[in-house]
Amino acid sequence: MLRRLLLAYADHPDLTAEEAAEVCGYDAEAGAWKRCSDLANAGLVEDTGDRRVASTGRHQMARRITLAGIAALSTDGHG
């Protein structure tokens, strides 16, 4: 799931966790929001400063892939 989400951020900059999950075809219950947080904690994606209202009515931060995220994709043997 992490790799697919990271690829979504590589292909579509400025995504919320919900939007990234949608791009990957995950449903809301898949826990993609937690994996997006894991990507951020690892420095692979970063906050863009943009906030959008999610389907839950709560605001979500938008994120973009970092140089470290791009490097991780290119060195994981699949990029």
PDB file of N, CA and C in Angstrom:
ATOM      1  N   MET A   1       0.821  -1.191   0.000  1.00  0.00           N
ATOM      2  CA  MET A   1       0.000   0.000   0.000  1.00  0.00           C
ATOM      3  C   MET A   1       0.867   1.258   0.000  1.00  0.00           C
ATOM      4  N   LEU A   2       1.969   1.265   0.744  1.00  0.00           N
ATOM      5  CA  LEU A   2       2.823   2.451   0.821  1.00  0.00           C
ATOM      6  C   LEU A   2       3.361   2.837  -0.553  1.00  0.00           C
ATOM      7  N   ARG A   3       3.858   1.858  -1.289  1.00  0.00           N
ATOM      8  CA  ARG A   3       4.424   2.145  -2.609  1.00  0.00           C
ATOM      9  C   ARG A   3       3.363   2.712  -3.541  1.00  0.00           C
ATOM     10  N   ARG A   4       2.174   2.126  -3.549  1.00  0.00           N
ATOM     11  CA  ARG A   4       1.103   2.619  -4.423  1.00  0.00           C
ATOM     12  C   ARG A   4       0.712   4.042  -4.059  1.00  0.00           C
ATOM     13  N   LEU A   5       0.638   4.332  -2.778  1.00  0.00           N
ATOM     14  CA  LEU A   5       0.313   5.693  -2.354  1.00  0.00           C
ATOM     15  C   LEU A   5       1.415   6.662  -2.751  1.00  0.00           C
ATOM     16  N   LEU A   6       2.665   6.259  -2.578  1.00  0.00           N
ATOM     17  CA  LEU A   6       3.778   7.115  -2.964  1.00  0.00           C
ATOM     18  C   LEU A   6       3.765   7.378  -4.475  1.00  0.00           C
ATOM     19  N   LEU A   7       3.447   6.363  -5.252  1.00  0.00           N
ATOM     20  CA  LEU A   7       3.313   6.547  -6.699  1.00  0.00           C
ATOM     21  C   LEU A   7       2.192   7.523  -7.030  1.00  0.00           C
ATOM     22  N   ALA A   8       1.102   7.475  -6.268  1.00  0.00           N
ATOM     23  CA  ALA A   8      -0.003   8.416  -6.481  1.00  0.00           C
ATOM     24  C   ALA A   8       0.481   9.841  -6.264  1.00  0.00           C
ATOM     25  N   TYR A   9       1.264  10.057  -5.207  1.00  0.00           N
ATOM     26  CA  TYR A   9       1.806  11.393  -4.956  1.00  0.00           C
ATOM     27  C   TYR A   9       2.794  11.799  -6.043  1.00  0.00           C
ATOM     28  N   ALA A  10       3.514  10.864  -6.599  1.00  0.00           N
ATOM     29  CA  ALA A  10       4.454  11.175  -7.681  1.00  0.00           C
ATOM     30  C   ALA A  10       3.707  11.603  -8.942  1.00  0.00           C
ATOM     31  N   ASP A  11       2.583  10.961  -9.201  1.00  0.00           N
ATOM     32  CA  ASP A  11       1.811  11.241 -10.412  1.00  0.00           C
ATOM     33  C   ASP A  11       0.838  12.403 -10.264  1.00  0.00           C
ATOM     34  N   HIS A  12       0.411  12.676  -9.031  1.00  0.00           N
ATOM     35  CA  HIS A  12      -0.610  13.697  -8.772  1.00  0.00           C
ATOM     36  C   HIS A  12      -0.189  14.544  -7.577  1.00  0.00           C
ATOM     37  N   PRO A  13       0.602  15.569  -7.794  1.00  0.00           N
ATOM     38  CA  PRO A  13       1.013  16.400  -6.658  1.00  0.00           C
ATOM     39  C   PRO A  13      -0.184  17.080  -6.012  1.00  0.00           C
ATOM     40  N   ASP A  14      -0.042  17.385  -4.734  1.00  0.00           N
ATOM     41  CA  ASP A  14      -1.074  18.105  -3.994  1.00  0.00           C
ATOM     42  C   ASP A  14      -2.330  17.262  -3.784  1.00  0.00           C
ATOM     43  N   LEU A  15      -2.156  16.104  -3.142  1.00  0.00           N
ATOM     44  CA  LEU A  15      -3.273  15.222  -2.813  1.00  0.00           C
ATOM     45  C   LEU A  15      -3.480  15.160  -1.309  1.00  0.00           C
ATOM     46  N   THR A  16      -4.750  15.075  -0.896  1.00  0.00           N
ATOM     47  CA  THR A  16      -5.047  14.738   0.489  1.00  0.00           C
ATOM     48  C   THR A  16      -4.935  13.221   0.616  1.00  0.00           C
ATOM     49  N   ALA A  17      -4.968  12.716   1.826  1.00  0.00           N
ATOM     50  CA  ALA A  17      -4.929  11.260   2.033  1.00  0.00           C
ATOM     51  C   ALA A  17      -6.130  10.594   1.365  1.00  0.00           C
ATOM     52  N   GLU A  18      -7.288  11.231   1.487  1.00  0.00           N
ATOM     53  CA  GLU A  18      -8.491  10.679   0.864  1.00  0.00           C
ATOM     54  C   GLU A  18      -8.351  10.635  -0.656  1.00  0.00           C
ATOM     55  N   GLU A  19      -7.816  11.689  -1.238  1.00  0.00           N
ATOM     56  CA  GLU A  19      -7.627  11.730  -2.683  1.00  0.00           C
ATOM     57  C   GLU A  19      -6.593  10.705  -3.133  1.00  0.00           C
ATOM     58  N   ALA A  20      -5.519  10.551  -2.375  1.00  0.00           N
ATOM     59  CA  ALA A  20      -4.501   9.558  -2.708  1.00  0.00           C
ATOM     60  C   ALA A  20      -5.098   8.149  -2.676  1.00  0.00           C
ATOM     61  N   ALA A  21      -5.919   7.886  -1.674  1.00  0.00           N
ATOM     62  CA  ALA A  21      -6.580   6.580  -1.574  1.00  0.00           C
ATOM     63  C   ALA A  21      -7.486   6.351  -2.781  1.00  0.00           C
ATOM     64  N   GLU A  22      -8.223   7.386  -3.185  1.00  0.00           N
ATOM     65  CA  GLU A  22      -9.097   7.285  -4.360  1.00  0.00           C
ATOM     66  C   GLU A  22      -8.299   6.961  -5.613  1.00  0.00           C
ATOM     67  N   VAL A  23      -7.179   7.653  -5.798  1.00  0.00           N
ATOM     68  CA  VAL A  23      -6.323   7.416  -6.966  1.00  0.00           C
ATOM     69  C   VAL A  23      -5.881   5.953  -7.009  1.00  0.00           C
ATOM     70  N   CYS A  24      -5.605   5.392  -5.832  1.00  0.00           N
ATOM     71  CA  CYS A  24      -5.140   4.003  -5.739  1.00  0.00           C
ATOM     72  C   CYS A  24      -6.277   2.987  -5.773  1.00  0.00           C
ATOM     73  N   GLY A  25      -7.504   3.458  -5.680  1.00  0.00           N
ATOM     74  CA  GLY A  25      -8.645   2.549  -5.690  1.00  0.00           C
ATOM     75  C   GLY A  25      -8.967   1.954  -4.338  1.00  0.00           C
ATOM     76  N   TYR A  26      -8.443   2.540  -3.262  1.00  0.00           N
ATOM     77  CA  TYR A  26      -8.731   2.056  -1.910  1.00  0.00           C
ATOM     78  C   TYR A  26     -10.022   2.689  -1.402  1.00  0.00           C
ATOM     79  N   ASP A  27     -10.796   1.935  -0.638  1.00  0.00           N
ATOM     80  CA  ASP A  27     -11.994   2.520  -0.040  1.00  0.00           C
ATOM     81  C   ASP A  27     -11.623   3.232   1.264  1.00  0.00           C
ATOM     82  N   ALA A  28     -12.561   3.969   1.784  1.00  0.00           N
ATOM     83  CA  ALA A  28     -12.304   4.801   2.964  1.00  0.00           C
ATOM     84  C   ALA A  28     -11.901   3.979   4.180  1.00  0.00           C
ATOM     85  N   GLU A  29     -12.282   2.735   4.232  1.00  0.00           N
ATOM     86  CA  GLU A  29     -11.991   1.893   5.386  1.00  0.00           C
ATOM     87  C   GLU A  29     -10.630   1.193   5.293  1.00  0.00           C
ATOM     88  N   ALA A  30      -9.899   1.418   4.212  1.00  0.00           N
ATOM     89  CA  ALA A  30      -8.633   0.711   4.003  1.00  0.00           C
ATOM     90  C   ALA A  30      -7.500   1.217   4.885  1.00  0.00           C
ATOM     91  N   GLY A  31      -7.688   2.372   5.523  1.00  0.00           N
ATOM     92  CA  GLY A  31      -6.646   2.910   6.397  1.00  0.00           C
ATOM     93  C   GLY A  31      -5.532   3.624   5.657  1.00  0.00           C
ATOM     94  N   ALA A  32      -5.817   4.067   4.435  1.00  0.00           N
ATOM     95  CA  ALA A  32      -4.784   4.760   3.653  1.00  0.00           C
ATOM     96  C   ALA A  32      -4.333   6.037   4.338  1.00  0.00           C
ATOM     97  N   TRP A  33      -5.213   6.684   5.080  1.00  0.00           N
ATOM     98  CA  TRP A  33      -4.827   7.927   5.775  1.00  0.00           C
ATOM     99  C   TRP A  33      -3.659   7.671   6.712  1.00  0.00           C
ATOM    100  N   LYS A  34      -3.649   6.510   7.370  1.00  0.00           N
ATOM    101  CA  LYS A  34      -2.562   6.169   8.287  1.00  0.00           C
ATOM    102  C   LYS A  34      -1.274   5.929   7.506  1.00  0.00           C
ATOM    103  N   ARG A  35      -1.371   5.255   6.376  1.00  0.00           N
ATOM    104  CA  ARG A  35      -0.187   5.015   5.556  1.00  0.00           C
ATOM    105  C   ARG A  35       0.360   6.323   4.993  1.00  0.00           C
ATOM    106  N   CYS A  36      -0.521   7.275   4.656  1.00  0.00           N
ATOM    107  CA  CYS A  36      -0.065   8.590   4.190  1.00  0.00           C
ATOM    108  C   CYS A  36       0.683   9.304   5.308  1.00  0.00           C
ATOM    109  N   SER A  37       0.214   9.146   6.538  1.00  0.00           N
ATOM    110  CA  SER A  37       0.933   9.707   7.686  1.00  0.00           C
ATOM    111  C   SER A  37       2.293   9.043   7.839  1.00  0.00           C
ATOM    112  N   ASP A  38       2.351   7.741   7.613  1.00  0.00           N
ATOM    113  CA  ASP A  38       3.630   7.032   7.672  1.00  0.00           C
ATOM    114  C   ASP A  38       4.606   7.582   6.626  1.00  0.00           C
ATOM    115  N   LEU A  39       4.099   7.846   5.421  1.00  0.00           N
ATOM    116  CA  LEU A  39       4.942   8.418   4.375  1.00  0.00           C
ATOM    117  C   LEU A  39       5.468   9.787   4.797  1.00  0.00           C
ATOM    118  N   ALA A  40       4.611  10.587   5.423  1.00  0.00           N
ATOM    119  CA  ALA A  40       5.027  11.915   5.888  1.00  0.00           C
ATOM    120  C   ALA A  40       6.061  11.803   7.000  1.00  0.00           C
ATOM    121  N   ASN A  41       5.835  10.898   7.944  1.00  0.00           N
ATOM    122  CA  ASN A  41       6.779  10.706   9.050  1.00  0.00           C
ATOM    123  C   ASN A  41       8.141  10.239   8.557  1.00  0.00           C
ATOM    124  N   ALA A  42       8.147   9.518   7.436  1.00  0.00           N
ATOM    125  CA  ALA A  42       9.401   9.044   6.850  1.00  0.00           C
ATOM    126  C   ALA A  42      10.059  10.107   5.962  1.00  0.00           C
ATOM    127  N   GLY A  43       9.395  11.246   5.783  1.00  0.00           N
ATOM    128  CA  GLY A  43       9.950  12.309   4.952  1.00  0.00           C
ATOM    129  C   GLY A  43       9.772  12.088   3.462  1.00  0.00           C
ATOM    130  N   LEU A  44       8.881  11.190   3.083  1.00  0.00           N
ATOM    131  CA  LEU A  44       8.687  10.879   1.669  1.00  0.00           C
ATOM    132  C   LEU A  44       7.637  11.760   1.003  1.00  0.00           C
ATOM    133  N   VAL A  45       6.737  12.324   1.800  1.00  0.00           N
ATOM    134  CA  VAL A  45       5.780  13.326   1.334  1.00  0.00           C
ATOM    135  C   VAL A  45       5.776  14.459   2.350  1.00  0.00           C
ATOM    136  N   GLU A  46       5.345  15.651   1.906  1.00  0.00           N
ATOM    137  CA  GLU A  46       5.335  16.808   2.802  1.00  0.00           C
ATOM    138  C   GLU A  46       4.062  17.622   2.606  1.00  0.00           C
ATOM    139  N   ASP A  47       3.734  18.380   3.610  1.00  0.00           N
ATOM    140  CA  ASP A  47       2.577  19.261   3.617  1.00  0.00           C
ATOM    141  C   ASP A  47       2.777  20.370   2.584  1.00  0.00           C
ATOM    142  N   THR A  48       1.757  20.610   1.750  1.00  0.00           N
ATOM    143  CA  THR A  48       1.816  21.704   0.778  1.00  0.00           C
ATOM    144  C   THR A  48       1.311  23.010   1.372  1.00  0.00           C
ATOM    145  N   GLY A  49       0.657  22.929   2.518  1.00  0.00           N
ATOM    146  CA  GLY A  49       0.037  24.105   3.119  1.00  0.00           C
ATOM    147  C   GLY A  49      -1.425  24.259   2.726  1.00  0.00           C
ATOM    148  N   ASP A  50      -1.873  23.488   1.765  1.00  0.00           N
ATOM    149  CA  ASP A  50      -3.267  23.520   1.318  1.00  0.00           C
ATOM    150  C   ASP A  50      -4.111  22.617   2.208  1.00  0.00           C
ATOM    151  N   ARG A  51      -5.342  23.017   2.463  1.00  0.00           N
ATOM    152  CA  ARG A  51      -6.298  22.220   3.238  1.00  0.00           C
ATOM    153  C   ARG A  51      -7.584  22.129   2.441  1.00  0.00           C
ATOM    154  N   ARG A  52      -8.173  20.927   2.399  1.00  0.00           N
ATOM    155  CA  ARG A  52      -9.440  20.721   1.709  1.00  0.00           C
ATOM    156  C   ARG A  52     -10.371  19.907   2.599  1.00  0.00           C
ATOM    157  N   VAL A  53     -11.661  20.099   2.398  1.00  0.00           N
ATOM    158  CA  VAL A  53     -12.657  19.374   3.169  1.00  0.00           C
ATOM    159  C   VAL A  53     -12.811  17.976   2.569  1.00  0.00           C
ATOM    160  N   ALA A  54     -12.676  16.972   3.416  1.00  0.00           N
ATOM    161  CA  ALA A  54     -12.824  15.578   3.003  1.00  0.00           C
ATOM    162  C   ALA A  54     -14.298  15.186   3.053  1.00  0.00           C
ATOM    163  N   SER A  55     -14.598  13.991   2.638  1.00  0.00           N
ATOM    164  CA  SER A  55     -15.980  13.500   2.646  1.00  0.00           C
ATOM    165  C   SER A  55     -16.544  13.427   4.063  1.00  0.00           C
ATOM    166  N   THR A  56     -15.669  13.373   5.054  1.00  0.00           N
ATOM    167  CA  THR A  56     -16.104  13.332   6.450  1.00  0.00           C
ATOM    168  C   THR A  56     -16.518  14.705   6.961  1.00  0.00           C
ATOM    169  N   GLY A  57     -16.221  15.758   6.169  1.00  0.00           N
ATOM    170  CA  GLY A  57     -16.494  17.119   6.596  1.00  0.00           C
ATOM    171  C   GLY A  57     -15.324  17.765   7.313  1.00  0.00           C
ATOM    172  N   ARG A  58     -14.310  16.994   7.590  1.00  0.00           N
ATOM    173  CA  ARG A  58     -13.111  17.517   8.263  1.00  0.00           C
ATOM    174  C   ARG A  58     -12.094  17.972   7.219  1.00  0.00           C
ATOM    175  N   HIS A  59     -11.267  18.903   7.624  1.00  0.00           N
ATOM    176  CA  HIS A  59     -10.206  19.380   6.739  1.00  0.00           C
ATOM    177  C   HIS A  59      -9.038  18.395   6.747  1.00  0.00           C
ATOM    178  N   GLN A  60      -8.499  18.158   5.569  1.00  0.00           N
ATOM    179  CA  GLN A  60      -7.302  17.328   5.428  1.00  0.00           C
ATOM    180  C   GLN A  60      -6.213  18.159   4.766  1.00  0.00           C
ATOM    181  N   MET A  61      -4.975  17.920   5.187  1.00  0.00           N
ATOM    182  CA  MET A  61      -3.857  18.589   4.530  1.00  0.00           C
ATOM    183  C   MET A  61      -3.541  17.897   3.218  1.00  0.00           C
ATOM    184  N   ALA A  62      -3.142  18.699   2.260  1.00  0.00           N
ATOM    185  CA  ALA A  62      -2.655  18.152   0.999  1.00  0.00           C
ATOM    186  C   ALA A  62      -1.148  17.971   1.128  1.00  0.00           C
ATOM    187  N   ARG A  63      -0.655  16.943   0.472  1.00  0.00           N
ATOM    188  CA  ARG A  63       0.775  16.645   0.521  1.00  0.00           C
ATOM    189  C   ARG A  63       1.311  16.441  -0.878  1.00  0.00           C
ATOM    190  N   ARG A  64       2.635  16.547  -0.990  1.00  0.00           N
ATOM    191  CA  ARG A  64       3.323  16.278  -2.257  1.00  0.00           C
ATOM    192  C   ARG A  64       4.544  15.416  -1.955  1.00  0.00           C
ATOM    193  N   ILE A  65       4.988  14.724  -2.982  1.00  0.00           N
ATOM    194  CA  ILE A  65       6.168  13.872  -2.823  1.00  0.00           C
ATOM    195  C   ILE A  65       7.407  14.758  -2.644  1.00  0.00           C
ATOM    196  N   THR A  66       8.354  14.282  -1.856  1.00  0.00           N
ATOM    197  CA  THR A  66       9.611  14.989  -1.632  1.00  0.00           C
ATOM    198  C   THR A  66      10.706  14.379  -2.514  1.00  0.00           C
ATOM    199  N   LEU A  67      11.853  15.013  -2.518  1.00  0.00           N
ATOM    200  CA  LEU A  67      13.001  14.430  -3.233  1.00  0.00           C
ATOM    201  C   LEU A  67      13.357  13.069  -2.657  1.00  0.00           C
ATOM    202  N   ALA A  68      13.223  12.917  -1.328  1.00  0.00           N
ATOM    203  CA  ALA A  68      13.480  11.617  -0.713  1.00  0.00           C
ATOM    204  C   ALA A  68      12.475  10.575  -1.189  1.00  0.00           C
ATOM    205  N   GLY A  69      11.233  10.976  -1.391  1.00  0.00           N
ATOM    206  CA  GLY A  69      10.213  10.075  -1.912  1.00  0.00           C
ATOM    207  C   GLY A  69      10.516   9.636  -3.331  1.00  0.00           C
ATOM    208  N   ILE A  70      10.955  10.579  -4.142  1.00  0.00           N
ATOM    209  CA  ILE A  70      11.325  10.255  -5.527  1.00  0.00           C
ATOM    210  C   ILE A  70      12.516   9.305  -5.534  1.00  0.00           C
ATOM    211  N   ALA A  71      13.492   9.575  -4.676  1.00  0.00           N
ATOM    212  CA  ALA A  71      14.659   8.699  -4.589  1.00  0.00           C
ATOM    213  C   ALA A  71      14.263   7.297  -4.130  1.00  0.00           C
ATOM    214  N   ALA A  72      13.330   7.219  -3.185  1.00  0.00           N
ATOM    215  CA  ALA A  72      12.885   5.906  -2.697  1.00  0.00           C
ATOM    216  C   ALA A  72      12.230   5.109  -3.813  1.00  0.00           C
ATOM    217  N   LEU A  73      11.469   5.777  -4.646  1.00  0.00           N
ATOM    218  CA  LEU A  73      10.845   5.079  -5.777  1.00  0.00           C
ATOM    219  C   LEU A  73      11.879   4.600  -6.788  1.00  0.00           C
ATOM    220  N   SER A  74      12.922   5.397  -6.991  1.00  0.00           N
ATOM    221  CA  SER A  74      13.909   5.035  -8.005  1.00  0.00           C
ATOM    222  C   SER A  74      14.903   3.982  -7.514  1.00  0.00           C
ATOM    223  N   THR A  75      14.988   3.784  -6.194  1.00  0.00           N
ATOM    224  CA  THR A  75      15.931   2.809  -5.669  1.00  0.00           C
ATOM    225  C   THR A  75      15.271   1.558  -5.109  1.00  0.00           C
ATOM    226  N   ASP A  76      13.959   1.437  -5.227  1.00  0.00           N
ATOM    227  CA  ASP A  76      13.301   0.276  -4.629  1.00  0.00           C
ATOM    228  C   ASP A  76      13.296  -0.944  -5.551  1.00  0.00           C
ATOM    229  N   GLY A  77      13.929  -0.817  -6.709  1.00  0.00           N
ATOM    230  CA  GLY A  77      14.019  -1.949  -7.624  1.00  0.00           C
ATOM    231  C   GLY A  77      12.844  -2.060  -8.554  1.00  0.00           C
ATOM    232  N   HIS A  78      11.864  -1.161  -8.429  1.00  0.00           N
ATOM    233  CA  HIS A  78      10.680  -1.218  -9.291  1.00  0.00           C
ATOM    234  C   HIS A  78      10.515   0.059 -10.100  1.00  0.00           C
ATOM    235  N   GLY A  79      11.287   1.098  -9.846  1.00  0.00           N
ATOM    236  CA  GLY A  79      11.118   2.385 -10.513  1.00  0.00           C
ATOM    237  C   GLY A  79      12.168   2.583 -11.512  1.00  0.00           C
TER     238      GLY A  79
END
